[in-house]
Amino acid sequence: MHKLVKAVMLVAAMVVSSVGAAETTAAPAKAAKPRLVDFGAGKCIPCKQMAPILEQLRVEYTGKFEVAFIDVWKDPDAANPYRIRVIPTQVFYNADGKELFRHEGFYSREQILGKWRELGFAFAETGRTR
């Protein structure tokens, strides 16, 4: 139990920009906004393919939902509380920190936004940067 508490506290305190500039944090118990957390690694091919998508979503949807990245190869203990089996894994949380959905593998921008809509979050498109 002590190791689990330590891992959760460590994850919550981390701010790492390893893949893109996505912030590395876990979903807090009371998040202000819905949150997408991507568990991956900087050298994983599908994770590297998702990095620019996550960064673009983080920038475009600032204030609407948060995007976080946790590098499970750099900090394997960070993934343990979340039962991560494969990378990348994307976990969608509501504003209260409740897990709504998880996906394993590459997930496109369109699929991510479609999943948010399916979960009841209709985020208005913002000025898309390319």
C-alpha atoms as a PDB file:
ATOM      1  CA  MET A   1       0.000   0.000   0.000  1.00  0.00           C
ATOM      2  CA  HIS A   2       2.817   2.411   0.889  1.00  0.00           C
ATOM      3  CA  LYS A   3       4.350   1.866  -2.563  1.00  0.00           C
ATOM      4  CA  LEU A   4       1.012   2.580  -4.237  1.00  0.00           C
ATOM      5  CA  VAL A   5       0.510   5.828  -2.297  1.00  0.00           C
ATOM      6  CA  LYS A   6       4.079   6.866  -3.095  1.00  0.00           C
ATOM      7  CA  ALA A   7       3.559   6.115  -6.808  1.00  0.00           C
ATOM      8  CA  VAL A   8       0.304   8.091  -6.969  1.00  0.00           C
ATOM      9  CA  MET A   9       1.894  11.055  -5.181  1.00  0.00           C
ATOM     10  CA  LEU A  10       4.901  10.900  -7.494  1.00  0.00           C
ATOM     11  CA  VAL A  11       2.716  10.851 -10.603  1.00  0.00           C
ATOM     12  CA  ALA A  12       0.613  13.739  -9.345  1.00  0.00           C
ATOM     13  CA  ALA A  13       3.722  15.815  -8.688  1.00  0.00           C
ATOM     14  CA  MET A  14       5.484  15.110 -11.997  1.00  0.00           C
ATOM     15  CA  VAL A  15       5.648  17.591 -14.827  1.00  0.00           C
ATOM     16  CA  VAL A  16       7.605  16.122 -17.702  1.00  0.00           C
ATOM     17  CA  SER A  17       7.675  17.133 -21.335  1.00  0.00           C
ATOM     18  CA  SER A  18       8.953  13.964 -22.897  1.00  0.00           C
ATOM     19  CA  VAL A  19       6.588  13.374 -25.813  1.00  0.00           C
ATOM     20  CA  GLY A  20       5.542  16.643 -27.384  1.00  0.00           C
ATOM     21  CA  ALA A  21       4.926  19.182 -24.678  1.00  0.00           C
ATOM     22  CA  ALA A  22       2.107  17.253 -23.048  1.00  0.00           C
ATOM     23  CA  GLU A  23       1.992  17.644 -19.289  1.00  0.00           C
ATOM     24  CA  THR A  24       2.556  14.537 -17.196  1.00  0.00           C
ATOM     25  CA  THR A  25       0.096  14.161 -14.362  1.00  0.00           C
ATOM     26  CA  ALA A  26      -2.468  11.660 -13.216  1.00  0.00           C
ATOM     27  CA  ALA A  27      -6.173  12.317 -13.048  1.00  0.00           C
ATOM     28  CA  PRO A  28      -6.772  13.981  -9.706  1.00  0.00           C
ATOM     29  CA  ALA A  29      -9.750  13.063  -7.548  1.00  0.00           C
ATOM     30  CA  LYS A  30     -11.358  16.437  -8.313  1.00  0.00           C
ATOM     31  CA  ALA A  31     -10.153  17.720 -11.688  1.00  0.00           C
ATOM     32  CA  ALA A  32     -11.492  21.088 -12.800  1.00  0.00           C
ATOM     33  CA  LYS A  33     -11.984  19.830 -16.366  1.00  0.00           C
ATOM     34  CA  PRO A  34     -12.381  16.509 -18.131  1.00  0.00           C
ATOM     35  CA  ARG A  35      -9.007  14.899 -18.752  1.00  0.00           C
ATOM     36  CA  LEU A  36      -7.407  12.592 -21.288  1.00  0.00           C
ATOM     37  CA  VAL A  37      -4.354  10.770 -19.941  1.00  0.00           C
ATOM     38  CA  ASP A  38      -2.123   8.959 -22.411  1.00  0.00           C
ATOM     39  CA  PHE A  39       0.134   6.262 -20.955  1.00  0.00           C
ATOM     40  CA  GLY A  40       3.004   5.561 -23.325  1.00  0.00           C
ATOM     41  CA  ALA A  41       6.728   5.899 -23.859  1.00  0.00           C
ATOM     42  CA  GLY A  42       9.000   8.241 -25.746  1.00  0.00           C
ATOM     43  CA  LYS A  43      10.464   5.454 -27.894  1.00  0.00           C
ATOM     44  CA  CYS A  44       7.261   3.513 -28.620  1.00  0.00           C
ATOM     45  CA  ILE A  45       6.375   3.977 -32.330  1.00  0.00           C
ATOM     46  CA  PRO A  46       2.578   4.395 -31.939  1.00  0.00           C
ATOM     47  CA  CYS A  47       3.218   6.645 -28.916  1.00  0.00           C
ATOM     48  CA  LYS A  48       5.516   8.826 -31.039  1.00  0.00           C
ATOM     49  CA  GLN A  49       2.824   8.962 -33.719  1.00  0.00           C
ATOM     50  CA  MET A  50       0.289  10.148 -31.141  1.00  0.00           C
ATOM     51  CA  ALA A  51       2.553  12.823 -29.615  1.00  0.00           C
ATOM     52  CA  PRO A  52       1.736  15.592 -32.131  1.00  0.00           C
ATOM     53  CA  ILE A  53      -1.989  14.726 -31.957  1.00  0.00           C
ATOM     54  CA  LEU A  54      -1.976  15.020 -28.161  1.00  0.00           C
ATOM     55  CA  GLU A  55      -0.023  18.275 -28.283  1.00  0.00           C
ATOM     56  CA  GLN A  56      -2.414  19.719 -30.854  1.00  0.00           C
ATOM     57  CA  LEU A  57      -5.424  18.743 -28.731  1.00  0.00           C
ATOM     58  CA  ARG A  58      -3.764  20.162 -25.608  1.00  0.00           C
ATOM     59  CA  VAL A  59      -3.248  23.522 -27.319  1.00  0.00           C
ATOM     60  CA  GLU A  60      -6.558  23.704 -29.196  1.00  0.00           C
ATOM     61  CA  TYR A  61      -8.773  22.619 -26.313  1.00  0.00           C
ATOM     62  CA  THR A  62      -7.065  24.489 -23.464  1.00  0.00           C
ATOM     63  CA  GLY A  63      -9.739  25.384 -20.953  1.00  0.00           C
ATOM     64  CA  LYS A  64     -12.119  22.708 -22.251  1.00  0.00           C
ATOM     65  CA  PHE A  65     -10.267  19.487 -21.354  1.00  0.00           C
ATOM     66  CA  GLU A  66      -6.783  18.607 -20.196  1.00  0.00           C
ATOM     67  CA  VAL A  67      -4.326  16.331 -21.964  1.00  0.00           C
ATOM     68  CA  ALA A  68      -1.636  14.565 -19.957  1.00  0.00           C
ATOM     69  CA  PHE A  69       1.118  12.095 -20.857  1.00  0.00           C
ATOM     70  CA  ILE A  70       2.807   9.597 -18.559  1.00  0.00           C
ATOM     71  CA  ASP A  71       5.960   7.857 -19.803  1.00  0.00           C
ATOM     72  CA  VAL A  72       5.652   4.376 -18.310  1.00  0.00           C
ATOM     73  CA  TRP A  73       9.142   3.313 -19.419  1.00  0.00           C
ATOM     74  CA  LYS A  74      10.754   6.192 -17.544  1.00  0.00           C
ATOM     75  CA  ASP A  75       8.529   5.652 -14.508  1.00  0.00           C
ATOM     76  CA  PRO A  76       7.029   2.132 -14.544  1.00  0.00           C
ATOM     77  CA  ASP A  77       5.562   2.512 -11.044  1.00  0.00           C
ATOM     78  CA  ALA A  78       3.402   5.392 -12.288  1.00  0.00           C
ATOM     79  CA  ALA A  79       1.351   3.011 -14.449  1.00  0.00           C
ATOM     80  CA  ASN A  80       0.762   0.336 -11.796  1.00  0.00           C
ATOM     81  CA  PRO A  81      -2.261   1.965 -10.112  1.00  0.00           C
ATOM     82  CA  TYR A  82      -3.928   2.324 -13.531  1.00  0.00           C
ATOM     83  CA  ARG A  83      -3.555  -1.342 -14.628  1.00  0.00           C
ATOM     84  CA  ILE A  84      -1.839  -0.400 -17.891  1.00  0.00           C
ATOM     85  CA  ARG A  85      -1.279  -3.553 -19.964  1.00  0.00           C
ATOM     86  CA  VAL A  86      -0.117  -2.144 -23.300  1.00  0.00           C
ATOM     87  CA  ILE A  87       1.041   1.203 -24.606  1.00  0.00           C
ATOM     88  CA  PRO A  88      -0.227   3.529 -25.707  1.00  0.00           C
ATOM     89  CA  THR A  89      -3.332   3.485 -23.514  1.00  0.00           C
ATOM     90  CA  GLN A  90      -5.628   6.498 -23.387  1.00  0.00           C
ATOM     91  CA  VAL A  91      -7.868   6.985 -20.352  1.00  0.00           C
ATOM     92  CA  PHE A  92     -10.758   9.471 -20.416  1.00  0.00           C
ATOM     93  CA  TYR A  93     -11.829  11.028 -17.095  1.00  0.00           C
ATOM     94  CA  ASN A  94     -14.738  13.315 -16.286  1.00  0.00           C
ATOM     95  CA  ALA A  95     -14.246  16.522 -14.291  1.00  0.00           C
ATOM     96  CA  ASP A  96     -14.692  14.596 -11.025  1.00  0.00           C
ATOM     97  CA  GLY A  97     -11.799  12.254 -11.898  1.00  0.00           C
ATOM     98  CA  LYS A  98     -14.036   9.259 -12.676  1.00  0.00           C
ATOM     99  CA  GLU A  99     -12.726   7.006 -15.450  1.00  0.00           C
ATOM    100  CA  LEU A 100     -15.209   6.977 -18.326  1.00  0.00           C
ATOM    101  CA  PHE A 101     -13.403   4.965 -20.991  1.00  0.00           C
ATOM    102  CA  ARG A 102     -10.029   3.529 -21.899  1.00  0.00           C
ATOM    103  CA  HIS A 103      -8.530   2.579 -25.240  1.00  0.00           C
ATOM    104  CA  GLU A 104      -5.398   0.552 -25.962  1.00  0.00           C
ATOM    105  CA  GLY A 105      -3.334   1.326 -29.054  1.00  0.00           C
ATOM    106  CA  PHE A 106      -3.069   4.244 -31.459  1.00  0.00           C
ATOM    107  CA  TYR A 107      -6.055   6.619 -31.342  1.00  0.00           C
ATOM    108  CA  SER A 108      -6.463   9.327 -33.988  1.00  0.00           C
ATOM    109  CA  ARG A 109      -7.554  12.909 -33.350  1.00  0.00           C
ATOM    110  CA  GLU A 110     -10.925  12.177 -34.940  1.00  0.00           C
ATOM    111  CA  GLN A 111     -11.401   9.060 -32.808  1.00  0.00           C
ATOM    112  CA  ILE A 112     -10.475  10.947 -29.614  1.00  0.00           C
ATOM    113  CA  LEU A 113     -12.876  13.817 -30.347  1.00  0.00           C
ATOM    114  CA  GLY A 114     -15.550  11.315 -31.422  1.00  0.00           C
ATOM    115  CA  LYS A 115     -15.159   9.442 -28.134  1.00  0.00           C
ATOM    116  CA  TRP A 116     -15.530  12.691 -26.168  1.00  0.00           C
ATOM    117  CA  ARG A 117     -18.777  13.373 -28.085  1.00  0.00           C
ATOM    118  CA  GLU A 118     -19.975   9.806 -27.440  1.00  0.00           C
ATOM    119  CA  LEU A 119     -19.270  10.330 -23.719  1.00  0.00           C
ATOM    120  CA  GLY A 120     -21.457  13.459 -23.754  1.00  0.00           C
ATOM    121  CA  PHE A 121     -18.802  16.176 -24.131  1.00  0.00           C
ATOM    122  CA  ALA A 122     -19.453  18.334 -27.197  1.00  0.00           C
ATOM    123  CA  PHE A 123     -16.375  20.537 -27.297  1.00  0.00           C
ATOM    124  CA  ALA A 124     -16.689  23.288 -29.889  1.00  0.00           C
ATOM    125  CA  GLU A 125     -13.934  23.167 -32.483  1.00  0.00           C
ATOM    126  CA  THR A 126     -11.415  25.907 -31.960  1.00  0.00           C
ATOM    127  CA  GLY A 127      -9.088  27.485 -34.505  1.00  0.00           C
ATOM    128  CA  ARG A 128      -7.199  24.428 -35.668  1.00  0.00           C
ATOM    129  CA  THR A 129      -3.433  24.783 -35.886  1.00  0.00           C
ATOM    130  CA  ARG A 130      -1.530  22.720 -38.403  1.00  0.00           C
END
